[in-house]
């Protein structure tokens, strides 16, 4: 590994030497600077790969960024963006903020070129970094929303919906239930019109119903009736029956009944951690009600 790091440093020294010589009077008069920059770019990429082999991730990222700058100066925007993405991948192993910065530079190039599907894909990567490495849910939401907007603009509705569902989940986690409900309903309606996605609509209506329960029981009851009318398959689902039984328990102010209903459902179909979190909130509200009177 030390050998690879030494090799990388030598390649960078060669690249810097090429760049200095490209600025000389002879090259400026006879147009030889471009080829020197191309050679320097290749050296930076080779150095970056050597740093990767040595597991020197920040140095690898920096070398890829240098290559990106040279490609952009040479008019190769796509190659420049590719190198920024590579830089981001390297930085992600050591410095999440530096990774976000590098990938955003790539996104700017792709949007400028009108490559919105690719830009959306990289916004998702940034969102995942904010979600998993930086624990910044608000910025994760912003990037998922931007990705969804770009996908919609390119008529990639399935990809847009996947991003929106992430936004809905984060919104509900942050107790912005209105936004979550709006998205779940929107995606459910979109799924109903697609023969391949139709089955998933009931799950989106189910999640919207749980979000309603977190806010207001009366509105939740009305929402469930509306969803049954909109999508009869939801009315026959185990998810819909669960929501109705939970609403009955809430109406009766019976915490034990609420718990038993959940236990019975969970013994057949495990609830995911997100829905469990929301239902725990509902149960806490129910448990607190007698003390509030």
C-alpha atoms as a PDB file:
ATOM      1  CA  UNK A   1       0.000   0.000   0.000  1.00  0.00           C
ATOM      2  CA  UNK A   2       2.891   2.358   0.758  1.00  0.00           C
ATOM      3  CA  UNK A   3       4.205   1.620  -2.736  1.00  0.00           C
ATOM      4  CA  UNK A   4       0.871   2.643  -4.271  1.00  0.00           C
ATOM      5  CA  UNK A   5       0.819   5.883  -2.269  1.00  0.00           C
ATOM      6  CA  UNK A   6       4.366   6.675  -3.400  1.00  0.00           C
ATOM      7  CA  UNK A   7       3.391   5.911  -6.997  1.00  0.00           C
ATOM      8  CA  UNK A   8       0.407   8.246  -6.687  1.00  0.00           C
ATOM      9  CA  UNK A   9       2.568  11.087  -5.368  1.00  0.00           C
ATOM     10  CA  UNK A  10       5.007  10.629  -8.270  1.00  0.00           C
ATOM     11  CA  UNK A  11       2.125  10.730 -10.787  1.00  0.00           C
ATOM     12  CA  UNK A  12       0.830  13.961  -9.240  1.00  0.00           C
ATOM     13  CA  UNK A  13       4.288  15.498  -9.456  1.00  0.00           C
ATOM     14  CA  UNK A  14       4.408  14.524 -13.149  1.00  0.00           C
ATOM     15  CA  UNK A  15       0.945  16.010 -13.700  1.00  0.00           C
ATOM     16  CA  UNK A  16       1.925  19.309 -12.067  1.00  0.00           C
ATOM     17  CA  UNK A  17       5.078  19.414 -14.210  1.00  0.00           C
ATOM     18  CA  UNK A  18       2.981  18.879 -17.371  1.00  0.00           C
ATOM     19  CA  UNK A  19       0.650  21.701 -16.369  1.00  0.00           C
ATOM     20  CA  UNK A  20       3.539  24.108 -15.758  1.00  0.00           C
ATOM     21  CA  UNK A  21       5.044  23.307 -19.137  1.00  0.00           C
ATOM     22  CA  UNK A  22       1.636  23.773 -20.814  1.00  0.00           C
ATOM     23  CA  UNK A  23       1.697  27.433 -19.757  1.00  0.00           C
ATOM     24  CA  UNK A  24       5.025  28.132 -21.412  1.00  0.00           C
ATOM     25  CA  UNK A  25       5.462  30.652 -24.270  1.00  0.00           C
ATOM     26  CA  UNK A  26       6.027  27.975 -26.928  1.00  0.00           C
ATOM     27  CA  UNK A  27       2.812  26.139 -26.100  1.00  0.00           C
ATOM     28  CA  UNK A  28       0.777  29.340 -25.920  1.00  0.00           C
ATOM     29  CA  UNK A  29       2.040  30.333 -29.385  1.00  0.00           C
ATOM     30  CA  UNK A  30       1.694  26.944 -31.055  1.00  0.00           C
ATOM     31  CA  UNK A  31      -1.301  25.471 -29.224  1.00  0.00           C
ATOM     32  CA  UNK A  32       0.420  22.605 -27.458  1.00  0.00           C
ATOM     33  CA  UNK A  33      -1.157  23.355 -24.074  1.00  0.00           C
ATOM     34  CA  UNK A  34      -4.259  21.265 -24.677  1.00  0.00           C
ATOM     35  CA  UNK A  35      -2.404  18.002 -25.172  1.00  0.00           C
ATOM     36  CA  UNK A  36      -0.318  18.676 -22.048  1.00  0.00           C
ATOM     37  CA  UNK A  37      -3.531  19.232 -20.057  1.00  0.00           C
ATOM     38  CA  UNK A  38      -4.951  15.963 -21.390  1.00  0.00           C
ATOM     39  CA  UNK A  39      -1.781  14.156 -20.342  1.00  0.00           C
ATOM     40  CA  UNK A  40      -1.924  15.803 -16.911  1.00  0.00           C
ATOM     41  CA  UNK A  41      -5.558  14.768 -16.562  1.00  0.00           C
ATOM     42  CA  UNK A  42      -4.673  11.165 -17.302  1.00  0.00           C
ATOM     43  CA  UNK A  43      -1.896  11.315 -14.704  1.00  0.00           C
ATOM     44  CA  UNK A  44      -4.294  12.664 -12.053  1.00  0.00           C
ATOM     45  CA  UNK A  45      -6.738   9.816 -12.765  1.00  0.00           C
ATOM     46  CA  UNK A  46      -3.945   7.263 -12.493  1.00  0.00           C
ATOM     47  CA  UNK A  47      -2.832   8.906  -9.234  1.00  0.00           C
ATOM     48  CA  UNK A  48      -6.393   8.789  -7.907  1.00  0.00           C
ATOM     49  CA  UNK A  49      -6.629   5.074  -8.651  1.00  0.00           C
ATOM     50  CA  UNK A  50      -3.284   4.443  -6.953  1.00  0.00           C
ATOM     51  CA  UNK A  51      -4.514   6.356  -3.880  1.00  0.00           C
ATOM     52  CA  UNK A  52      -7.641   4.180  -3.942  1.00  0.00           C
ATOM     53  CA  UNK A  53      -5.493   1.054  -3.869  1.00  0.00           C
ATOM     54  CA  UNK A  54      -3.608   2.523  -0.899  1.00  0.00           C
ATOM     55  CA  UNK A  55      -6.974   3.349   0.742  1.00  0.00           C
ATOM     56  CA  UNK A  56      -6.014   7.035   0.910  1.00  0.00           C
ATOM     57  CA  UNK A  57      -9.562   8.208   0.191  1.00  0.00           C
ATOM     58  CA  UNK A  58      -9.292  12.018   0.681  1.00  0.00           C
ATOM     59  CA  UNK A  59      -6.187  12.126  -1.538  1.00  0.00           C
ATOM     60  CA  UNK A  60      -7.947  10.004  -4.171  1.00  0.00           C
ATOM     61  CA  UNK A  61     -10.921  12.362  -4.086  1.00  0.00           C
ATOM     62  CA  UNK A  62      -8.684  15.408  -4.473  1.00  0.00           C
ATOM     63  CA  UNK A  63      -6.884  13.860  -7.470  1.00  0.00           C
ATOM     64  CA  UNK A  64     -10.212  13.068  -9.164  1.00  0.00           C
ATOM     65  CA  UNK A  65     -11.318  16.677  -8.586  1.00  0.00           C
ATOM     66  CA  UNK A  66      -8.145  17.950 -10.240  1.00  0.00           C
ATOM     67  CA  UNK A  67      -8.889  15.687 -13.225  1.00  0.00           C
ATOM     68  CA  UNK A  68     -12.454  17.033 -13.314  1.00  0.00           C
ATOM     69  CA  UNK A  69     -11.261  20.649 -13.438  1.00  0.00           C
ATOM     70  CA  UNK A  70      -8.927  19.851 -16.327  1.00  0.00           C
ATOM     71  CA  UNK A  71     -11.633  18.047 -18.312  1.00  0.00           C
ATOM     72  CA  UNK A  72     -13.985  21.003 -17.886  1.00  0.00           C
ATOM     73  CA  UNK A  73     -11.212  23.390 -19.027  1.00  0.00           C
ATOM     74  CA  UNK A  74     -10.774  21.159 -22.089  1.00  0.00           C
ATOM     75  CA  UNK A  75     -14.501  21.366 -22.818  1.00  0.00           C
ATOM     76  CA  UNK A  76     -15.307  17.772 -21.795  1.00  0.00           C
ATOM     77  CA  UNK A  77     -18.147  18.460 -19.366  1.00  0.00           C
ATOM     78  CA  UNK A  78     -19.410  14.886 -19.215  1.00  0.00           C
ATOM     79  CA  UNK A  79     -15.939  13.553 -18.367  1.00  0.00           C
ATOM     80  CA  UNK A  80     -15.564  16.295 -15.767  1.00  0.00           C
ATOM     81  CA  UNK A  81     -18.849  15.340 -14.125  1.00  0.00           C
ATOM     82  CA  UNK A  82     -17.825  11.671 -14.103  1.00  0.00           C
ATOM     83  CA  UNK A  83     -14.609  12.541 -12.262  1.00  0.00           C
ATOM     84  CA  UNK A  84     -16.542  14.626  -9.702  1.00  0.00           C
ATOM     85  CA  UNK A  85     -18.768  11.621  -9.026  1.00  0.00           C
ATOM     86  CA  UNK A  86     -15.665   9.436  -8.593  1.00  0.00           C
ATOM     87  CA  UNK A  87     -14.274  12.054  -6.204  1.00  0.00           C
ATOM     88  CA  UNK A  88     -17.521  11.959  -4.238  1.00  0.00           C
ATOM     89  CA  UNK A  89     -17.386   8.164  -3.986  1.00  0.00           C
ATOM     90  CA  UNK A  90     -13.875   8.376  -2.564  1.00  0.00           C
ATOM     91  CA  UNK A  91     -14.628  11.211  -0.147  1.00  0.00           C
ATOM     92  CA  UNK A  92     -17.680   9.318   1.122  1.00  0.00           C
ATOM     93  CA  UNK A  93     -15.354   6.794   2.783  1.00  0.00           C
ATOM     94  CA  UNK A  94     -13.693   9.521   4.862  1.00  0.00           C
ATOM     95  CA  UNK A  95     -15.511  12.885   4.676  1.00  0.00           C
ATOM     96  CA  UNK A  96     -19.256  12.921   3.978  1.00  0.00           C
ATOM     97  CA  UNK A  97     -19.428  16.720   3.586  1.00  0.00           C
ATOM     98  CA  UNK A  98     -16.670  16.691   0.978  1.00  0.00           C
ATOM     99  CA  UNK A  99     -18.556  13.904  -0.831  1.00  0.00           C
ATOM    100  CA  UNK A 100     -21.719  16.014  -0.956  1.00  0.00           C
ATOM    101  CA  UNK A 101     -19.765  19.005  -2.302  1.00  0.00           C
ATOM    102  CA  UNK A 102     -18.113  16.967  -5.098  1.00  0.00           C
ATOM    103  CA  UNK A 103     -21.342  15.245  -6.166  1.00  0.00           C
ATOM    104  CA  UNK A 104     -23.180  18.584  -6.232  1.00  0.00           C
ATOM    105  CA  UNK A 105     -20.560  19.855  -8.689  1.00  0.00           C
ATOM    106  CA  UNK A 106     -21.382  16.882 -10.925  1.00  0.00           C
ATOM    107  CA  UNK A 107     -25.124  17.566 -10.553  1.00  0.00           C
ATOM    108  CA  UNK A 108     -24.636  21.183 -11.683  1.00  0.00           C
ATOM    109  CA  UNK A 109     -22.894  19.981 -14.850  1.00  0.00           C
ATOM    110  CA  UNK A 110     -25.548  17.344 -15.619  1.00  0.00           C
ATOM    111  CA  UNK A 111     -28.434  19.809 -15.154  1.00  0.00           C
ATOM    112  CA  UNK A 112     -26.617  22.347 -17.346  1.00  0.00           C
ATOM    113  CA  UNK A 113     -26.361  19.631 -20.029  1.00  0.00           C
ATOM    114  CA  UNK A 114     -30.044  18.721 -19.632  1.00  0.00           C
ATOM    115  CA  UNK A 115     -29.208  15.255 -18.270  1.00  0.00           C
ATOM    116  CA  UNK A 116     -31.906  15.359 -15.607  1.00  0.00           C
ATOM    117  CA  UNK A 117     -32.282  11.604 -15.068  1.00  0.00           C
ATOM    118  CA  UNK A 118     -28.585  11.360 -14.205  1.00  0.00           C
ATOM    119  CA  UNK A 119     -28.815  14.473 -12.008  1.00  0.00           C
ATOM    120  CA  UNK A 120     -31.769  12.900 -10.175  1.00  0.00           C
ATOM    121  CA  UNK A 121     -29.794   9.703  -9.567  1.00  0.00           C
ATOM    122  CA  UNK A 122     -26.991  11.687  -7.949  1.00  0.00           C
ATOM    123  CA  UNK A 123     -29.436  13.742  -5.856  1.00  0.00           C
ATOM    124  CA  UNK A 124     -30.558  10.385  -4.429  1.00  0.00           C
ATOM    125  CA  UNK A 125     -26.931   9.583  -3.559  1.00  0.00           C
ATOM    126  CA  UNK A 126     -26.630  12.941  -1.775  1.00  0.00           C
ATOM    127  CA  UNK A 127     -29.925  12.280   0.029  1.00  0.00           C
ATOM    128  CA  UNK A 128     -28.607   8.896   1.202  1.00  0.00           C
ATOM    129  CA  UNK A 129     -25.424  10.535   2.518  1.00  0.00           C
ATOM    130  CA  UNK A 130     -27.487  13.068   4.485  1.00  0.00           C
ATOM    131  CA  UNK A 131     -29.723  10.244   5.713  1.00  0.00           C
ATOM    132  CA  UNK A 132     -27.097   7.674   6.694  1.00  0.00           C
ATOM    133  CA  UNK A 133     -23.822   9.508   7.320  1.00  0.00           C
ATOM    134  CA  UNK A 134     -24.798  13.053   8.319  1.00  0.00           C
ATOM    135  CA  UNK A 135     -28.189  12.371   9.983  1.00  0.00           C
ATOM    136  CA  UNK A 136     -29.683  15.527   8.447  1.00  0.00           C
ATOM    137  CA  UNK A 137     -33.238  14.490   7.587  1.00  0.00           C
ATOM    138  CA  UNK A 138     -34.287  17.908   6.253  1.00  0.00           C
ATOM    139  CA  UNK A 139     -31.496  18.018   3.667  1.00  0.00           C
ATOM    140  CA  UNK A 140     -32.183  14.379   2.793  1.00  0.00           C
ATOM    141  CA  UNK A 141     -35.808  15.351   2.109  1.00  0.00           C
ATOM    142  CA  UNK A 142     -34.735  18.328  -0.045  1.00  0.00           C
ATOM    143  CA  UNK A 143     -32.591  16.083  -2.241  1.00  0.00           C
ATOM    144  CA  UNK A 144     -35.233  13.347  -2.561  1.00  0.00           C
ATOM    145  CA  UNK A 145     -37.756  16.041  -3.559  1.00  0.00           C
ATOM    146  CA  UNK A 146     -35.373  17.490  -6.155  1.00  0.00           C
ATOM    147  CA  UNK A 147     -34.746  14.020  -7.571  1.00  0.00           C
ATOM    148  CA  UNK A 148     -38.516  13.443  -7.777  1.00  0.00           C
ATOM    149  CA  UNK A 149     -38.986  16.751  -9.631  1.00  0.00           C
ATOM    150  CA  UNK A 150     -36.322  15.869 -12.183  1.00  0.00           C
ATOM    151  CA  UNK A 151     -37.741  12.367 -12.700  1.00  0.00           C
ATOM    152  CA  UNK A 152     -41.239  13.791 -13.183  1.00  0.00           C
ATOM    153  CA  UNK A 153     -39.937  16.222 -15.763  1.00  0.00           C
ATOM    154  CA  UNK A 154     -38.468  13.291 -17.670  1.00  0.00           C
ATOM    155  CA  UNK A 155     -41.711  11.255 -17.367  1.00  0.00           C
ATOM    156  CA  UNK A 156     -39.942   8.731 -15.115  1.00  0.00           C
ATOM    157  CA  UNK A 157     -42.949   8.546 -12.807  1.00  0.00           C
ATOM    158  CA  UNK A 158     -42.073   5.247 -11.134  1.00  0.00           C
ATOM    159  CA  UNK A 159     -38.660   6.602 -10.083  1.00  0.00           C
ATOM    160  CA  UNK A 160     -40.273   9.873  -8.987  1.00  0.00           C
ATOM    161  CA  UNK A 161     -42.738   7.990  -6.785  1.00  0.00           C
ATOM    162  CA  UNK A 162     -39.942   6.030  -5.080  1.00  0.00           C
ATOM    163  CA  UNK A 163     -38.325   9.337  -4.101  1.00  0.00           C
ATOM    164  CA  UNK A 164     -41.642  10.808  -2.966  1.00  0.00           C
ATOM    165  CA  UNK A 165     -42.298   7.800  -0.726  1.00  0.00           C
ATOM    166  CA  UNK A 166     -38.978   8.477   1.009  1.00  0.00           C
ATOM    167  CA  UNK A 167     -40.085  12.100   1.483  1.00  0.00           C
ATOM    168  CA  UNK A 168     -43.404  10.904   2.929  1.00  0.00           C
ATOM    169  CA  UNK A 169     -41.652   8.596   5.394  1.00  0.00           C
ATOM    170  CA  UNK A 170     -39.274  11.309   6.588  1.00  0.00           C
ATOM    171  CA  UNK A 171     -42.122  13.828   6.810  1.00  0.00           C
ATOM    172  CA  UNK A 172     -44.172  11.477   9.006  1.00  0.00           C
ATOM    173  CA  UNK A 173     -41.111  10.724  11.144  1.00  0.00           C
ATOM    174  CA  UNK A 174     -40.671  14.486  11.642  1.00  0.00           C
ATOM    175  CA  UNK A 175     -44.427  14.684  12.476  1.00  0.00           C
ATOM    176  CA  UNK A 176     -45.323  16.581   9.311  1.00  0.00           C
ATOM    177  CA  UNK A 177     -48.277  14.260   8.776  1.00  0.00           C
ATOM    178  CA  UNK A 178     -50.183  16.509   6.344  1.00  0.00           C
ATOM    179  CA  UNK A 179     -47.321  16.376   3.856  1.00  0.00           C
ATOM    180  CA  UNK A 180     -46.930  12.617   4.288  1.00  0.00           C
ATOM    181  CA  UNK A 181     -50.655  12.028   3.739  1.00  0.00           C
ATOM    182  CA  UNK A 182     -50.680  14.185   0.613  1.00  0.00           C
ATOM    183  CA  UNK A 183     -47.806  12.173  -0.884  1.00  0.00           C
ATOM    184  CA  UNK A 184     -49.185   8.751   0.075  1.00  0.00           C
ATOM    185  CA  UNK A 185     -52.550   9.635  -1.477  1.00  0.00           C
ATOM    186  CA  UNK A 186     -50.892  11.005  -4.615  1.00  0.00           C
ATOM    187  CA  UNK A 187     -48.742   7.887  -5.094  1.00  0.00           C
ATOM    188  CA  UNK A 188     -51.711   5.596  -4.325  1.00  0.00           C
ATOM    189  CA  UNK A 189     -53.831   7.245  -7.032  1.00  0.00           C
ATOM    190  CA  UNK A 190     -50.912   7.040  -9.452  1.00  0.00           C
ATOM    191  CA  UNK A 191     -50.492   3.327  -8.646  1.00  0.00           C
ATOM    192  CA  UNK A 192     -54.206   2.604  -9.131  1.00  0.00           C
ATOM    193  CA  UNK A 193     -53.917   3.658 -12.771  1.00  0.00           C
ATOM    194  CA  UNK A 194     -50.999   1.307 -13.434  1.00  0.00           C
ATOM    195  CA  UNK A 195     -51.753  -2.410 -13.824  1.00  0.00           C
ATOM    196  CA  UNK A 196     -48.256  -3.358 -12.606  1.00  0.00           C
ATOM    197  CA  UNK A 197     -48.380  -1.115  -9.523  1.00  0.00           C
ATOM    198  CA  UNK A 198     -52.077  -1.440  -8.676  1.00  0.00           C
ATOM    199  CA  UNK A 199     -51.463  -3.926  -5.870  1.00  0.00           C
ATOM    200  CA  UNK A 200     -49.215  -1.467  -3.992  1.00  0.00           C
ATOM    201  CA  UNK A 201     -51.963   1.189  -3.776  1.00  0.00           C
ATOM    202  CA  UNK A 202     -53.472  -0.456  -0.693  1.00  0.00           C
ATOM    203  CA  UNK A 203     -50.162  -0.113   1.163  1.00  0.00           C
ATOM    204  CA  UNK A 204     -50.004   3.612   0.370  1.00  0.00           C
ATOM    205  CA  UNK A 205     -53.595   4.121   1.552  1.00  0.00           C
ATOM    206  CA  UNK A 206     -52.735   2.108   4.684  1.00  0.00           C
ATOM    207  CA  UNK A 207     -49.779   4.397   5.479  1.00  0.00           C
ATOM    208  CA  UNK A 208     -51.903   7.480   4.839  1.00  0.00           C
ATOM    209  CA  UNK A 209     -54.518   6.079   7.256  1.00  0.00           C
ATOM    210  CA  UNK A 210     -51.923   5.571  10.006  1.00  0.00           C
ATOM    211  CA  UNK A 211     -50.687   9.157   9.509  1.00  0.00           C
ATOM    212  CA  UNK A 212     -54.299  10.349   9.860  1.00  0.00           C
ATOM    213  CA  UNK A 213     -54.558   8.380  13.127  1.00  0.00           C
ATOM    214  CA  UNK A 214     -51.503  10.218  14.465  1.00  0.00           C
ATOM    215  CA  UNK A 215     -53.345  13.503  13.926  1.00  0.00           C
ATOM    216  CA  UNK A 216     -57.056  13.004  14.457  1.00  0.00           C
ATOM    217  CA  UNK A 217     -59.244   9.915  14.900  1.00  0.00           C
ATOM    218  CA  UNK A 218     -62.385  11.433  13.362  1.00  0.00           C
ATOM    219  CA  UNK A 219     -60.511  12.472  10.222  1.00  0.00           C
ATOM    220  CA  UNK A 220     -58.895   9.045  10.065  1.00  0.00           C
ATOM    221  CA  UNK A 221     -62.337   7.397  10.003  1.00  0.00           C
ATOM    222  CA  UNK A 222     -63.470   9.677   7.183  1.00  0.00           C
ATOM    223  CA  UNK A 223     -60.226   9.093   5.269  1.00  0.00           C
ATOM    224  CA  UNK A 224     -60.603   5.307   5.468  1.00  0.00           C
ATOM    225  CA  UNK A 225     -64.150   5.541   4.059  1.00  0.00           C
ATOM    226  CA  UNK A 226     -62.847   7.720   1.231  1.00  0.00           C
ATOM    227  CA  UNK A 227     -60.042   5.263   0.428  1.00  0.00           C
ATOM    228  CA  UNK A 228     -62.492   2.340   0.378  1.00  0.00           C
ATOM    229  CA  UNK A 229     -64.640   4.163  -2.162  1.00  0.00           C
ATOM    230  CA  UNK A 230     -61.666   5.147  -4.276  1.00  0.00           C
ATOM    231  CA  UNK A 231     -60.096   1.686  -4.235  1.00  0.00           C
ATOM    232  CA  UNK A 232     -62.461  -1.191  -3.300  1.00  0.00           C
ATOM    233  CA  UNK A 233     -59.516  -3.599  -3.038  1.00  0.00           C
ATOM    234  CA  UNK A 234     -58.358  -1.598  -0.006  1.00  0.00           C
ATOM    235  CA  UNK A 235     -61.679  -2.290   1.755  1.00  0.00           C
ATOM    236  CA  UNK A 236     -61.048  -6.066   1.509  1.00  0.00           C
ATOM    237  CA  UNK A 237     -57.434  -5.874   2.674  1.00  0.00           C
ATOM    238  CA  UNK A 238     -56.063  -6.931   6.063  1.00  0.00           C
ATOM    239  CA  UNK A 239     -54.519  -3.471   6.346  1.00  0.00           C
ATOM    240  CA  UNK A 240     -57.883  -1.726   6.123  1.00  0.00           C
ATOM    241  CA  UNK A 241     -59.433  -4.131   8.638  1.00  0.00           C
ATOM    242  CA  UNK A 242     -56.519  -3.447  11.006  1.00  0.00           C
ATOM    243  CA  UNK A 243     -57.047   0.318  10.802  1.00  0.00           C
ATOM    244  CA  UNK A 244     -60.773  -0.064  11.498  1.00  0.00           C
ATOM    245  CA  UNK A 245     -60.138  -2.275  14.546  1.00  0.00           C
ATOM    246  CA  UNK A 246     -57.537   0.184  15.856  1.00  0.00           C
ATOM    247  CA  UNK A 247     -59.993   3.057  15.398  1.00  0.00           C
ATOM    248  CA  UNK A 248     -62.595   1.080  17.363  1.00  0.00           C
ATOM    249  CA  UNK A 249     -60.096   0.609  20.186  1.00  0.00           C
ATOM    250  CA  UNK A 250     -59.280   4.339  20.164  1.00  0.00           C
ATOM    251  CA  UNK A 251     -62.998   5.200  20.185  1.00  0.00           C
ATOM    252  CA  UNK A 252     -63.448   2.907  23.191  1.00  0.00           C
ATOM    253  CA  UNK A 253     -60.328   4.424  24.827  1.00  0.00           C
ATOM    254  CA  UNK A 254     -59.113   0.869  25.364  1.00  0.00           C
ATOM    255  CA  UNK A 255     -55.321   0.574  25.307  1.00  0.00           C
ATOM    256  CA  UNK A 256     -55.377  -3.185  25.903  1.00  0.00           C
ATOM    257  CA  UNK A 257     -57.703  -3.697  22.943  1.00  0.00           C
ATOM    258  CA  UNK A 258     -55.419  -1.525  20.769  1.00  0.00           C
ATOM    259  CA  UNK A 259     -52.394  -3.615  21.824  1.00  0.00           C
ATOM    260  CA  UNK A 260     -54.174  -6.925  21.253  1.00  0.00           C
ATOM    261  CA  UNK A 261     -55.317  -5.923  17.761  1.00  0.00           C
ATOM    262  CA  UNK A 262     -51.745  -5.028  16.810  1.00  0.00           C
ATOM    263  CA  UNK A 263     -50.353  -8.225  18.321  1.00  0.00           C
ATOM    264  CA  UNK A 264     -52.840 -10.323  16.367  1.00  0.00           C
ATOM    265  CA  UNK A 265     -51.977  -8.588  13.075  1.00  0.00           C
ATOM    266  CA  UNK A 266     -48.234  -8.684  13.733  1.00  0.00           C
ATOM    267  CA  UNK A 267     -48.317 -12.445  14.379  1.00  0.00           C
ATOM    268  CA  UNK A 268     -49.227 -12.967  10.694  1.00  0.00           C
ATOM    269  CA  UNK A 269     -47.714  -9.929   8.920  1.00  0.00           C
ATOM    270  CA  UNK A 270     -44.819  -8.127  10.563  1.00  0.00           C
ATOM    271  CA  UNK A 271     -45.182  -4.354  10.606  1.00  0.00           C
ATOM    272  CA  UNK A 272     -42.102  -2.484   9.436  1.00  0.00           C
ATOM    273  CA  UNK A 273     -40.185  -0.310  11.968  1.00  0.00           C
ATOM    274  CA  UNK A 274     -41.526   2.947  10.478  1.00  0.00           C
ATOM    275  CA  UNK A 275     -45.192   1.964  10.914  1.00  0.00           C
ATOM    276  CA  UNK A 276     -44.435   0.529  14.352  1.00  0.00           C
ATOM    277  CA  UNK A 277     -42.988   3.917  15.377  1.00  0.00           C
ATOM    278  CA  UNK A 278     -46.138   5.731  14.230  1.00  0.00           C
ATOM    279  CA  UNK A 279     -48.447   3.256  15.960  1.00  0.00           C
ATOM    280  CA  UNK A 280     -46.473   3.582  19.206  1.00  0.00           C
ATOM    281  CA  UNK A 281     -47.145   7.324  19.003  1.00  0.00           C
ATOM    282  CA  UNK A 282     -50.860   6.668  18.567  1.00  0.00           C
ATOM    283  CA  UNK A 283     -50.831   4.263  21.537  1.00  0.00           C
ATOM    284  CA  UNK A 284     -49.065   6.864  23.722  1.00  0.00           C
ATOM    285  CA  UNK A 285     -51.720   9.422  22.833  1.00  0.00           C
ATOM    286  CA  UNK A 286     -54.418   6.904  23.722  1.00  0.00           C
ATOM    287  CA  UNK A 287     -52.726   6.067  27.035  1.00  0.00           C
ATOM    288  CA  UNK A 288     -52.449   9.761  27.902  1.00  0.00           C
ATOM    289  CA  UNK A 289     -56.104  10.611  27.157  1.00  0.00           C
ATOM    290  CA  UNK A 290     -57.542   9.729  30.586  1.00  0.00           C
ATOM    291  CA  UNK A 291     -54.909  11.906  32.294  1.00  0.00           C
ATOM    292  CA  UNK A 292     -55.908  14.884  30.149  1.00  0.00           C
ATOM    293  CA  UNK A 293     -59.545  14.844  31.264  1.00  0.00           C
END
